[in-house]
């Protein structure tokens, strides 16, 4: 697994897509991931330190994990299939058992930012989808 850093959020006007662009923490490759408007909004709110008056969906999800005695440990973008990225949430339960939950990278990244945990990608994903410039 390769640790990633959120490098920027980019809007591709020609394709009407929003991208989160990750960079390898200890490398030069970038991983652009297309995500939807609601998730871009959730990520931007967190990055801007805006606190909505009521919990947004990703805040609620993190509160549920915490309320059930879990702690989000990391997010891993683990697969690229038919041009669609897949991610996993790694949650540690109170009994030190790890639970792995399938999730969309967009939701997973929004949760990772809120929990202050790292995002990783499998080497195979970076080999298939990374670029050297964005």
Protein backbone atom coordinates (compact mmCIF):
# COMPACT_ATOMS: atom_id res chain seq x y z
CA UNK A 1 0.00 0.00 0.00
CA UNK A 2 1.13 3.50 -0.84
CA UNK A 3 0.10 6.43 1.36
CA UNK A 4 -1.58 9.27 -0.50
CA UNK A 5 -2.02 12.97 0.22
CA UNK A 6 -4.96 14.96 -1.06
CA UNK A 7 -3.24 17.30 -3.50
CA UNK A 8 -6.12 19.27 -4.98
CA UNK A 9 -9.69 19.33 -6.10
CA UNK A 10 -10.09 19.99 -9.80
CA UNK A 11 -13.07 20.65 -12.03
CA UNK A 12 -12.78 19.41 -15.60
CA UNK A 13 -15.05 21.83 -17.46
CA UNK A 14 -14.79 19.99 -20.77
CA UNK A 15 -16.02 16.69 -19.31
CA UNK A 16 -18.22 18.17 -16.54
CA UNK A 17 -16.42 16.11 -13.89
CA UNK A 18 -15.00 16.85 -10.47
CA UNK A 19 -11.77 15.21 -9.46
CA UNK A 20 -9.92 14.73 -6.24
CA UNK A 21 -6.26 14.44 -7.06
CA UNK A 22 -4.01 12.51 -4.70
CA UNK A 23 -0.22 12.49 -4.71
CA UNK A 24 1.99 9.76 -3.37
CA UNK A 25 3.28 10.88 0.02
CA UNK A 26 6.78 9.70 -0.84
CA UNK A 27 6.66 9.80 -4.63
CA UNK A 28 5.84 11.72 -7.78
CA UNK A 29 2.74 9.96 -9.06
CA UNK A 30 -0.72 11.51 -8.94
CA UNK A 31 -3.99 9.61 -8.75
CA UNK A 32 -7.02 11.52 -10.12
CA UNK A 33 -10.37 10.13 -8.97
CA UNK A 34 -13.68 11.34 -10.42
CA UNK A 35 -16.30 11.96 -7.73
CA UNK A 36 -19.78 13.43 -7.54
CA UNK A 37 -20.89 16.91 -6.55
CA UNK A 38 -22.27 15.99 -3.11
CA UNK A 39 -18.99 14.35 -2.12
CA UNK A 40 -16.94 17.28 -3.47
CA UNK A 41 -19.13 19.57 -1.37
CA UNK A 42 -18.61 17.39 1.73
CA UNK A 43 -14.84 17.34 1.20
CA UNK A 44 -14.66 21.10 0.61
CA UNK A 45 -16.70 21.77 3.76
CA UNK A 46 -14.24 19.77 5.83
CA UNK A 47 -11.17 21.30 4.19
CA UNK A 48 -12.62 24.78 4.79
CA UNK A 49 -13.38 23.95 8.44
CA UNK A 50 -17.03 24.85 7.90
CA UNK A 51 -19.26 23.33 10.56
CA UNK A 52 -22.85 22.95 9.39
CA UNK A 53 -25.57 23.44 12.03
CA UNK A 54 -26.59 19.78 11.73
CA UNK A 55 -24.40 16.77 10.89
CA UNK A 56 -23.94 16.09 7.20
CA UNK A 57 -24.15 12.48 6.00
CA UNK A 58 -20.42 11.80 6.39
CA UNK A 59 -20.38 13.36 9.85
CA UNK A 60 -23.31 11.13 10.79
CA UNK A 61 -21.55 8.04 9.41
CA UNK A 62 -18.48 8.77 11.50
CA UNK A 63 -20.63 9.37 14.60
CA UNK A 64 -22.31 5.99 14.02
CA UNK A 65 -18.93 4.24 13.75
CA UNK A 66 -17.74 5.95 16.94
CA UNK A 67 -21.05 5.39 18.74
CA UNK A 68 -20.86 1.67 18.05
CA UNK A 69 -17.38 1.50 19.55
CA UNK A 70 -15.40 1.54 16.33
CA UNK A 71 -12.60 3.73 15.08
CA UNK A 72 -11.81 4.34 11.44
CA UNK A 73 -8.16 3.35 10.98
CA UNK A 74 -7.52 3.97 7.28
CA UNK A 75 -9.05 4.03 3.83
CA UNK A 76 -7.57 2.00 0.97
CA UNK A 77 -8.37 2.52 -2.70
CA UNK A 78 -7.89 -1.10 -3.56
CA UNK A 79 -9.25 -1.80 -7.01
CA UNK A 80 -9.90 -0.28 -10.42
CA UNK A 81 -12.51 -2.18 -12.38
CA UNK A 82 -14.18 -0.98 -15.60
CA UNK A 83 -12.83 2.55 -14.95
CA UNK A 84 -14.41 2.57 -11.49
CA UNK A 85 -12.35 2.84 -8.34
CA UNK A 86 -13.25 0.77 -5.28
CA UNK A 87 -12.25 1.47 -1.69
CA UNK A 88 -12.29 -0.20 1.68
CA UNK A 89 -12.83 1.29 5.13
CA UNK A 90 -10.76 -0.38 7.85
CA UNK A 91 -12.51 -0.03 11.20
CA UNK A 92 -11.09 -1.24 14.50
CA UNK A 93 -13.73 -2.40 16.98
CA UNK A 94 -13.42 -2.18 20.76
CA UNK A 95 -12.36 -5.84 20.96
CA UNK A 96 -9.40 -5.09 18.61
CA UNK A 97 -11.11 -6.92 15.75
CA UNK A 98 -10.79 -5.23 12.39
CA UNK A 99 -13.82 -4.88 10.15
CA UNK A 100 -13.39 -4.11 6.45
CA UNK A 101 -16.27 -2.39 4.69
CA UNK A 102 -16.61 -1.79 0.97
CA UNK A 103 -17.23 1.83 0.02
CA UNK A 104 -17.01 4.32 -2.79
CA UNK A 105 -13.73 6.23 -2.74
CA UNK A 106 -15.60 9.53 -2.63
CA UNK A 107 -17.49 8.68 0.56
CA UNK A 108 -14.45 6.95 2.02
CA UNK A 109 -12.24 9.99 1.47
CA UNK A 110 -14.86 12.30 3.03
CA UNK A 111 -14.89 10.01 6.08
CA UNK A 112 -11.08 9.79 6.23
CA UNK A 113 -10.78 13.58 6.27
CA UNK A 114 -13.29 13.85 9.10
CA UNK A 115 -11.56 11.12 11.11
CA UNK A 116 -8.06 12.44 10.42
CA UNK A 117 -6.83 9.13 9.01
CA UNK A 118 -4.66 8.34 6.01
CA UNK A 119 -5.77 7.29 2.56
CA UNK A 120 -3.77 4.61 0.75
CA UNK A 121 -3.83 3.00 -2.68
CA UNK A 122 -2.75 -0.45 -3.70
CA UNK A 123 0.29 -0.47 -5.98
CA UNK A 124 -1.74 -2.12 -8.76
CA UNK A 125 -4.20 0.79 -8.73
CA UNK A 126 -1.41 3.36 -8.96
CA UNK A 127 0.26 1.41 -11.74
CA UNK A 128 -3.00 1.34 -13.72
CA UNK A 129 -4.32 4.85 -13.12
CA UNK A 130 -1.64 7.24 -11.90
CA UNK A 131 -0.15 10.08 -13.91
CA UNK A 132 3.02 12.11 -13.45
CA UNK A 133 1.39 15.51 -13.98
CA UNK A 134 -2.04 16.97 -13.33
